[in-house]
């Protein structure tokens, strides 16, 4: 069963409480999303480390309940 956008946002917010999150359903199928995530916890981290924090928040469901997630991450402006 696909993961809906509100569940993706809830999990990211749990791991990164200060995060500003925007999620878009790319295909309208509830299976392919794009997310923009800004968090102070990303400051000083590489892009790969930032993405790893988001993937960890998804608790191993990447590639399973969540088929595809295009990520853009950064610290706040």
PDB file of N, CA and C in Angstrom:
ATOM      1  N   UNK A   1       0.837  -1.175   0.000  1.00  0.00           N
ATOM      2  CA  UNK A   1       0.000   0.000   0.000  1.00  0.00           C
ATOM      3  C   UNK A   1       0.884   1.241   0.000  1.00  0.00           C
ATOM      4  N   UNK A   2       0.635   2.175  -0.902  1.00  0.00           N
ATOM      5  CA  UNK A   2       1.474   3.379  -0.974  1.00  0.00           C
ATOM      6  C   UNK A   2       1.356   4.237   0.285  1.00  0.00           C
ATOM      7  N   UNK A   3       2.384   5.035   0.512  1.00  0.00           N
ATOM      8  CA  UNK A   3       2.415   5.958   1.637  1.00  0.00           C
ATOM      9  C   UNK A   3       1.891   7.310   1.159  1.00  0.00           C
ATOM     10  N   UNK A   4       0.981   7.932   1.906  1.00  0.00           N
ATOM     11  CA  UNK A   4       0.462   9.212   1.454  1.00  0.00           C
ATOM     12  C   UNK A   4       1.348  10.372   1.935  1.00  0.00           C
ATOM     13  N   UNK A   5       1.147  11.525   1.331  1.00  0.00           N
ATOM     14  CA  UNK A   5       1.992  12.692   1.584  1.00  0.00           C
ATOM     15  C   UNK A   5       1.968  13.107   3.050  1.00  0.00           C
ATOM     16  N   UNK A   6       0.825  12.999   3.697  1.00  0.00           N
ATOM     17  CA  UNK A   6       0.742  13.411   5.103  1.00  0.00           C
ATOM     18  C   UNK A   6       1.590  12.506   6.000  1.00  0.00           C
ATOM     19  N   UNK A   7       1.675  11.230   5.657  1.00  0.00           N
ATOM     20  CA  UNK A   7       2.512  10.303   6.432  1.00  0.00           C
ATOM     21  C   UNK A   7       3.992  10.602   6.207  1.00  0.00           C
ATOM     22  N   UNK A   8       4.363  10.930   4.978  1.00  0.00           N
ATOM     23  CA  UNK A   8       5.757  11.310   4.693  1.00  0.00           C
ATOM     24  C   UNK A   8       6.114  12.536   5.526  1.00  0.00           C
ATOM     25  N   UNK A   9       5.253  13.544   5.494  1.00  0.00           N
ATOM     26  CA  UNK A   9       5.516  14.776   6.245  1.00  0.00           C
ATOM     27  C   UNK A   9       5.573  14.498   7.749  1.00  0.00           C
ATOM     28  N   UNK A  10       4.663  13.687   8.267  1.00  0.00           N
ATOM     29  CA  UNK A  10       4.651  13.363   9.696  1.00  0.00           C
ATOM     30  C   UNK A  10       5.962  12.716  10.133  1.00  0.00           C
ATOM     31  N   UNK A  11       6.446  11.778   9.340  1.00  0.00           N
ATOM     32  CA  UNK A  11       7.689  11.084   9.697  1.00  0.00           C
ATOM     33  C   UNK A  11       8.893  12.024   9.652  1.00  0.00           C
ATOM     34  N   UNK A  12       8.948  12.876   8.636  1.00  0.00           N
ATOM     35  CA  UNK A  12      10.066  13.824   8.547  1.00  0.00           C
ATOM     36  C   UNK A  12      10.008  14.802   9.719  1.00  0.00           C
ATOM     37  N   UNK A  13       8.824  15.305  10.041  1.00  0.00           N
ATOM     38  CA  UNK A  13       8.653  16.248  11.159  1.00  0.00           C
ATOM     39  C   UNK A  13       9.029  15.609  12.494  1.00  0.00           C
ATOM     40  N   UNK A  14       8.750  14.326  12.648  1.00  0.00           N
ATOM     41  CA  UNK A  14       9.115  13.628  13.879  1.00  0.00           C
ATOM     42  C   UNK A  14      10.630  13.615  14.053  1.00  0.00           C
ATOM     43  N   UNK A  15      11.354  13.362  12.978  1.00  0.00           N
ATOM     44  CA  UNK A  15      12.814  13.288  13.034  1.00  0.00           C
ATOM     45  C   UNK A  15      13.467  14.668  12.995  1.00  0.00           C
ATOM     46  N   UNK A  16      12.855  15.596  12.271  1.00  0.00           N
ATOM     47  CA  UNK A  16      13.404  16.944  12.089  1.00  0.00           C
ATOM     48  C   UNK A  16      12.307  17.957  12.442  1.00  0.00           C
ATOM     49  N   UNK A  17      12.064  18.182  13.746  1.00  0.00           N
ATOM     50  CA  UNK A  17      10.914  18.994  14.158  1.00  0.00           C
ATOM     51  C   UNK A  17      10.894  20.415  13.599  1.00  0.00           C
ATOM     52  N   UNK A  18      12.057  20.978  13.293  1.00  0.00           N
ATOM     53  CA  UNK A  18      12.100  22.352  12.780  1.00  0.00           C
ATOM     54  C   UNK A  18      11.929  22.432  11.261  1.00  0.00           C
ATOM     55  N   UNK A  19      11.763  21.297  10.622  1.00  0.00           N
ATOM     56  CA  UNK A  19      11.768  21.256   9.153  1.00  0.00           C
ATOM     57  C   UNK A  19      10.588  21.999   8.528  1.00  0.00           C
ATOM     58  N   UNK A  20      10.907  22.707   7.446  1.00  0.00           N
ATOM     59  CA  UNK A  20       9.892  23.252   6.547  1.00  0.00           C
ATOM     60  C   UNK A  20       9.800  22.243   5.405  1.00  0.00           C
ATOM     61  N   UNK A  21       8.613  21.732   5.143  1.00  0.00           N
ATOM     62  CA  UNK A  21       8.458  20.628   4.192  1.00  0.00           C
ATOM     63  C   UNK A  21       7.396  20.968   3.162  1.00  0.00           C
ATOM     64  N   UNK A  22       7.738  20.719   1.899  1.00  0.00           N
ATOM     65  CA  UNK A  22       6.759  20.824   0.812  1.00  0.00           C
ATOM     66  C   UNK A  22       6.806  19.510   0.047  1.00  0.00           C
ATOM     67  N   UNK A  23       5.661  18.858  -0.077  1.00  0.00           N
ATOM     68  CA  UNK A  23       5.601  17.565  -0.765  1.00  0.00           C
ATOM     69  C   UNK A  23       4.652  17.669  -1.948  1.00  0.00           C
ATOM     70  N   UNK A  24       5.095  17.142  -3.093  1.00  0.00           N
ATOM     71  CA  UNK A  24       4.282  17.137  -4.312  1.00  0.00           C
ATOM     72  C   UNK A  24       4.156  15.707  -4.817  1.00  0.00           C
ATOM     73  N   UNK A  25       2.944  15.326  -5.200  1.00  0.00           N
ATOM     74  CA  UNK A  25       2.685  14.017  -5.810  1.00  0.00           C
ATOM     75  C   UNK A  25       2.957  14.181  -7.305  1.00  0.00           C
ATOM     76  N   UNK A  26       4.032  13.610  -7.794  1.00  0.00           N
ATOM     77  CA  UNK A  26       4.486  13.844  -9.162  1.00  0.00           C
ATOM     78  C   UNK A  26       3.613  13.198 -10.224  1.00  0.00           C
ATOM     79  N   UNK A  27       3.063  12.038  -9.924  1.00  0.00           N
ATOM     80  CA  UNK A  27       2.327  11.295 -10.946  1.00  0.00           C
ATOM     81  C   UNK A  27       0.838  11.175 -10.629  1.00  0.00           C
ATOM     82  N   UNK A  28       0.410  11.690  -9.493  1.00  0.00           N
ATOM     83  CA  UNK A  28      -0.989  11.568  -9.100  1.00  0.00           C
ATOM     84  C   UNK A  28      -1.380  10.165  -8.676  1.00  0.00           C
ATOM     85  N   UNK A  29      -0.364   9.332  -8.423  1.00  0.00           N
ATOM     86  CA  UNK A  29      -0.649   7.934  -8.081  1.00  0.00           C
ATOM     87  C   UNK A  29      -0.353   7.594  -6.619  1.00  0.00           C
ATOM     88  N   UNK A  30       0.068   8.595  -5.839  1.00  0.00           N
ATOM     89  CA  UNK A  30       0.397   8.341  -4.439  1.00  0.00           C
ATOM     90  C   UNK A  30       1.620   7.479  -4.254  1.00  0.00           C
ATOM     91  N   UNK A  31       2.444   7.383  -5.269  1.00  0.00           N
ATOM     92  CA  UNK A  31       3.610   6.501  -5.232  1.00  0.00           C
ATOM     93  C   UNK A  31       4.906   7.192  -5.640  1.00  0.00           C
ATOM     94  N   UNK A  32       4.790   8.358  -6.271  1.00  0.00           N
ATOM     95  CA  UNK A  32       5.957   9.096  -6.769  1.00  0.00           C
ATOM     96  C   UNK A  32       5.860  10.539  -6.271  1.00  0.00           C
ATOM     97  N   UNK A  33       6.759  10.896  -5.347  1.00  0.00           N
ATOM     98  CA  UNK A  33       6.712  12.206  -4.718  1.00  0.00           C
ATOM     99  C   UNK A  33       8.007  12.972  -4.936  1.00  0.00           C
ATOM    100  N   UNK A  34       7.891  14.291  -4.795  1.00  0.00           N
ATOM    101  CA  UNK A  34       9.053  15.170  -4.688  1.00  0.00           C
ATOM    102  C   UNK A  34       8.885  15.926  -3.381  1.00  0.00           C
ATOM    103  N   UNK A  35       9.967  16.098  -2.654  1.00  0.00           N
ATOM    104  CA  UNK A  35       9.908  16.812  -1.382  1.00  0.00           C
ATOM    105  C   UNK A  35      11.037  17.826  -1.311  1.00  0.00           C
ATOM    106  N   UNK A  36      10.695  19.007  -0.823  1.00  0.00           N
ATOM    107  CA  UNK A  36      11.675  20.025  -0.482  1.00  0.00           C
ATOM    108  C   UNK A  36      11.667  20.120   1.035  1.00  0.00           C
ATOM    109  N   UNK A  37      12.837  19.934   1.630  1.00  0.00           N
ATOM    110  CA  UNK A  37      12.941  19.929   3.087  1.00  0.00           C
ATOM    111  C   UNK A  37      14.050  20.882   3.501  1.00  0.00           C
ATOM    112  N   UNK A  38      13.704  21.839   4.367  1.00  0.00           N
ATOM    113  CA  UNK A  38      14.690  22.763   4.926  1.00  0.00           C
ATOM    114  C   UNK A  38      14.719  22.562   6.427  1.00  0.00           C
ATOM    115  N   UNK A  39      15.927  22.390   6.960  1.00  0.00           N
ATOM    116  CA  UNK A  39      16.084  22.179   8.396  1.00  0.00           C
ATOM    117  C   UNK A  39      17.434  22.717   8.837  1.00  0.00           C
ATOM    118  N   UNK A  40      17.452  23.313  10.008  1.00  0.00           N
ATOM    119  CA  UNK A  40      18.717  23.793  10.582  1.00  0.00           C
ATOM    120  C   UNK A  40      19.662  22.614  10.814  1.00  0.00           C
ATOM    121  N   UNK A  41      19.121  21.422  11.020  1.00  0.00           N
ATOM    122  CA  UNK A  41      19.963  20.240  11.247  1.00  0.00           C
ATOM    123  C   UNK A  41      20.807  19.886  10.018  1.00  0.00           C
ATOM    124  N   UNK A  42      20.487  20.461   8.858  1.00  0.00           N
ATOM    125  CA  UNK A  42      21.258  20.206   7.640  1.00  0.00           C
ATOM    126  C   UNK A  42      22.506  21.080   7.552  1.00  0.00           C
ATOM    127  N   UNK A  43      22.554  22.156   8.334  1.00  0.00           N
ATOM    128  CA  UNK A  43      23.670  23.096   8.231  1.00  0.00           C
ATOM    129  C   UNK A  43      24.991  22.386   8.503  1.00  0.00           C
ATOM    130  N   UNK A  44      25.956  22.581   7.608  1.00  0.00           N
ATOM    131  CA  UNK A  44      27.283  21.983   7.756  1.00  0.00           C
ATOM    132  C   UNK A  44      27.377  20.548   7.267  1.00  0.00           C
ATOM    133  N   UNK A  45      26.267  19.997   6.795  1.00  0.00           N
ATOM    134  CA  UNK A  45      26.269  18.618   6.293  1.00  0.00           C
ATOM    135  C   UNK A  45      26.297  18.620   4.767  1.00  0.00           C
ATOM    136  N   UNK A  46      26.859  17.569   4.210  1.00  0.00           N
ATOM    137  CA  UNK A  46      26.848  17.414   2.753  1.00  0.00           C
ATOM    138  C   UNK A  46      25.430  17.081   2.302  1.00  0.00           C
ATOM    139  N   UNK A  47      25.182  17.208   1.018  1.00  0.00           N
ATOM    140  CA  UNK A  47      23.867  16.864   0.465  1.00  0.00           C
ATOM    141  C   UNK A  47      23.530  15.403   0.755  1.00  0.00           C
ATOM    142  N   UNK A  48      24.525  14.525   0.626  1.00  0.00           N
ATOM    143  CA  UNK A  48      24.305  13.099   0.903  1.00  0.00           C
ATOM    144  C   UNK A  48      23.903  12.902   2.359  1.00  0.00           C
ATOM    145  N   UNK A  49      24.575  13.573   3.286  1.00  0.00           N
ATOM    146  CA  UNK A  49      24.228  13.450   4.703  1.00  0.00           C
ATOM    147  C   UNK A  49      22.827  13.988   4.981  1.00  0.00           C
ATOM    148  N   UNK A  50      22.458  15.075   4.312  1.00  0.00           N
ATOM    149  CA  UNK A  50      21.114  15.632   4.466  1.00  0.00           C
ATOM    150  C   UNK A  50      20.066  14.619   4.007  1.00  0.00           C
ATOM    151  N   UNK A  51      20.302  14.014   2.855  1.00  0.00           N
ATOM    152  CA  UNK A  51      19.358  13.028   2.323  1.00  0.00           C
ATOM    153  C   UNK A  51      19.286  11.805   3.237  1.00  0.00           C
ATOM    154  N   UNK A  52      20.416  11.410   3.801  1.00  0.00           N
ATOM    155  CA  UNK A  52      20.416  10.268   4.714  1.00  0.00           C
ATOM    156  C   UNK A  52      19.541  10.531   5.933  1.00  0.00           C
ATOM    157  N   UNK A  53      19.542  11.767   6.436  1.00  0.00           N
ATOM    158  CA  UNK A  53      18.677  12.115   7.567  1.00  0.00           C
ATOM    159  C   UNK A  53      17.205  11.959   7.200  1.00  0.00           C
ATOM    160  N   UNK A  54      16.847  12.381   5.991  1.00  0.00           N
ATOM    161  CA  UNK A  54      15.455  12.259   5.550  1.00  0.00           C
ATOM    162  C   UNK A  54      15.098  10.784   5.344  1.00  0.00           C
ATOM    163  N   UNK A  55      15.972  10.038   4.691  1.00  0.00           N
ATOM    164  CA  UNK A  55      15.691   8.610   4.472  1.00  0.00           C
ATOM    165  C   UNK A  55      15.551   7.865   5.805  1.00  0.00           C
ATOM    166  N   UNK A  56      16.379   8.218   6.787  1.00  0.00           N
ATOM    167  CA  UNK A  56      16.280   7.579   8.108  1.00  0.00           C
ATOM    168  C   UNK A  56      14.921   7.874   8.735  1.00  0.00           C
ATOM    169  N   UNK A  57      14.408   9.077   8.511  1.00  0.00           N
ATOM    170  CA  UNK A  57      13.098   9.454   9.051  1.00  0.00           C
ATOM    171  C   UNK A  57      11.980   8.601   8.454  1.00  0.00           C
ATOM    172  N   UNK A  58      12.196   8.094   7.252  1.00  0.00           N
ATOM    173  CA  UNK A  58      11.172   7.288   6.575  1.00  0.00           C
ATOM    174  C   UNK A  58      11.200   5.830   7.018  1.00  0.00           C
ATOM    175  N   UNK A  59      12.069   5.519   7.955  1.00  0.00           N
ATOM    176  CA  UNK A  59      12.088   4.234   8.662  1.00  0.00           C
ATOM    177  C   UNK A  59      12.142   3.019   7.743  1.00  0.00           C
ATOM    178  N   UNK A  60      12.985   3.097   6.726  1.00  0.00           N
ATOM    179  CA  UNK A  60      13.192   1.934   5.870  1.00  0.00           C
ATOM    180  C   UNK A  60      12.112   1.676   4.839  1.00  0.00           C
ATOM    181  N   UNK A  61      11.139   2.585   4.700  1.00  0.00           N
ATOM    182  CA  UNK A  61      10.064   2.366   3.727  1.00  0.00           C
ATOM    183  C   UNK A  61      10.403   2.861   2.323  1.00  0.00           C
ATOM    184  N   UNK A  62      11.561   3.498   2.141  1.00  0.00           N
ATOM    185  CA  UNK A  62      11.972   3.923   0.812  1.00  0.00           C
ATOM    186  C   UNK A  62      12.163   2.695  -0.066  1.00  0.00           C
ATOM    187  N   UNK A  63      11.534   2.683  -1.215  1.00  0.00           N
ATOM    188  CA  UNK A  63      11.628   1.533  -2.105  1.00  0.00           C
ATOM    189  C   UNK A  63      10.574   0.472  -1.826  1.00  0.00           C
ATOM    190  N   UNK A  64       9.835   0.639  -0.727  1.00  0.00           N
ATOM    191  CA  UNK A  64       8.750  -0.283  -0.394  1.00  0.00           C
ATOM    192  C   UNK A  64       7.423   0.446  -0.492  1.00  0.00           C
ATOM    193  N   UNK A  65       6.893   0.849   0.679  1.00  0.00           N
ATOM    194  CA  UNK A  65       5.633   1.599   0.706  1.00  0.00           C
ATOM    195  C   UNK A  65       5.781   2.936  -0.012  1.00  0.00           C
ATOM    196  N   UNK A  66       6.995   3.458  -0.008  1.00  0.00           N
ATOM    197  CA  UNK A  66       7.291   4.702  -0.722  1.00  0.00           C
ATOM    198  C   UNK A  66       8.198   4.365  -1.886  1.00  0.00           C
ATOM    199  N   UNK A  67       7.637   4.341  -3.094  1.00  0.00           N
ATOM    200  CA  UNK A  67       8.368   3.874  -4.260  1.00  0.00           C
ATOM    201  C   UNK A  67       9.447   4.861  -4.706  1.00  0.00           C
ATOM    202  N   UNK A  68       9.096   6.156  -4.817  1.00  0.00           N
ATOM    203  CA  UNK A  68      10.058   7.136  -5.334  1.00  0.00           C
ATOM    204  C   UNK A  68       9.878   8.464  -4.623  1.00  0.00           C
ATOM    205  N   UNK A  69      11.022   9.055  -4.222  1.00  0.00           N
ATOM    206  CA  UNK A  69      11.011  10.359  -3.588  1.00  0.00           C
ATOM    207  C   UNK A  69      12.190  11.170  -4.106  1.00  0.00           C
ATOM    208  N   UNK A  70      11.895  12.197  -4.883  1.00  0.00           N
ATOM    209  CA  UNK A  70      12.939  13.130  -5.345  1.00  0.00           C
ATOM    210  C   UNK A  70      13.106  14.171  -4.247  1.00  0.00           C
ATOM    211  N   UNK A  71      14.331  14.321  -3.752  1.00  0.00           N
ATOM    212  CA  UNK A  71      14.590  15.203  -2.614  1.00  0.00           C
ATOM    213  C   UNK A  71      15.375  16.438  -2.993  1.00  0.00           C
ATOM    214  N   UNK A  72      14.984  17.558  -2.421  1.00  0.00           N
ATOM    215  CA  UNK A  72      15.794  18.776  -2.411  1.00  0.00           C
ATOM    216  C   UNK A  72      15.906  19.155  -0.947  1.00  0.00           C
ATOM    217  N   UNK A  73      17.125  19.246  -0.441  1.00  0.00           N
ATOM    218  CA  UNK A  73      17.335  19.572   0.965  1.00  0.00           C
ATOM    219  C   UNK A  73      18.286  20.743   1.093  1.00  0.00           C
ATOM    220  N   UNK A  74      18.097  21.509   2.183  1.00  0.00           N
ATOM    221  CA  UNK A  74      19.006  22.621   2.470  1.00  0.00           C
ATOM    222  C   UNK A  74      18.705  23.144   3.862  1.00  0.00           C
ATOM    223  N   UNK A  75      19.687  23.863   4.451  1.00  0.00           N
ATOM    224  CA  UNK A  75      19.359  24.580   5.679  1.00  0.00           C
ATOM    225  C   UNK A  75      18.486  25.778   5.326  1.00  0.00           C
ATOM    226  N   UNK A  76      17.785  26.351   6.305  1.00  0.00           N
ATOM    227  CA  UNK A  76      16.967  27.533   6.013  1.00  0.00           C
ATOM    228  C   UNK A  76      17.847  28.692   5.536  1.00  0.00           C
ATOM    229  N   UNK A  77      17.235  29.601   4.810  1.00  0.00           N
ATOM    230  CA  UNK A  77      17.969  30.777   4.315  1.00  0.00           C
ATOM    231  C   UNK A  77      18.435  31.653   5.456  1.00  0.00           C
TER     232      UNK A  77
END
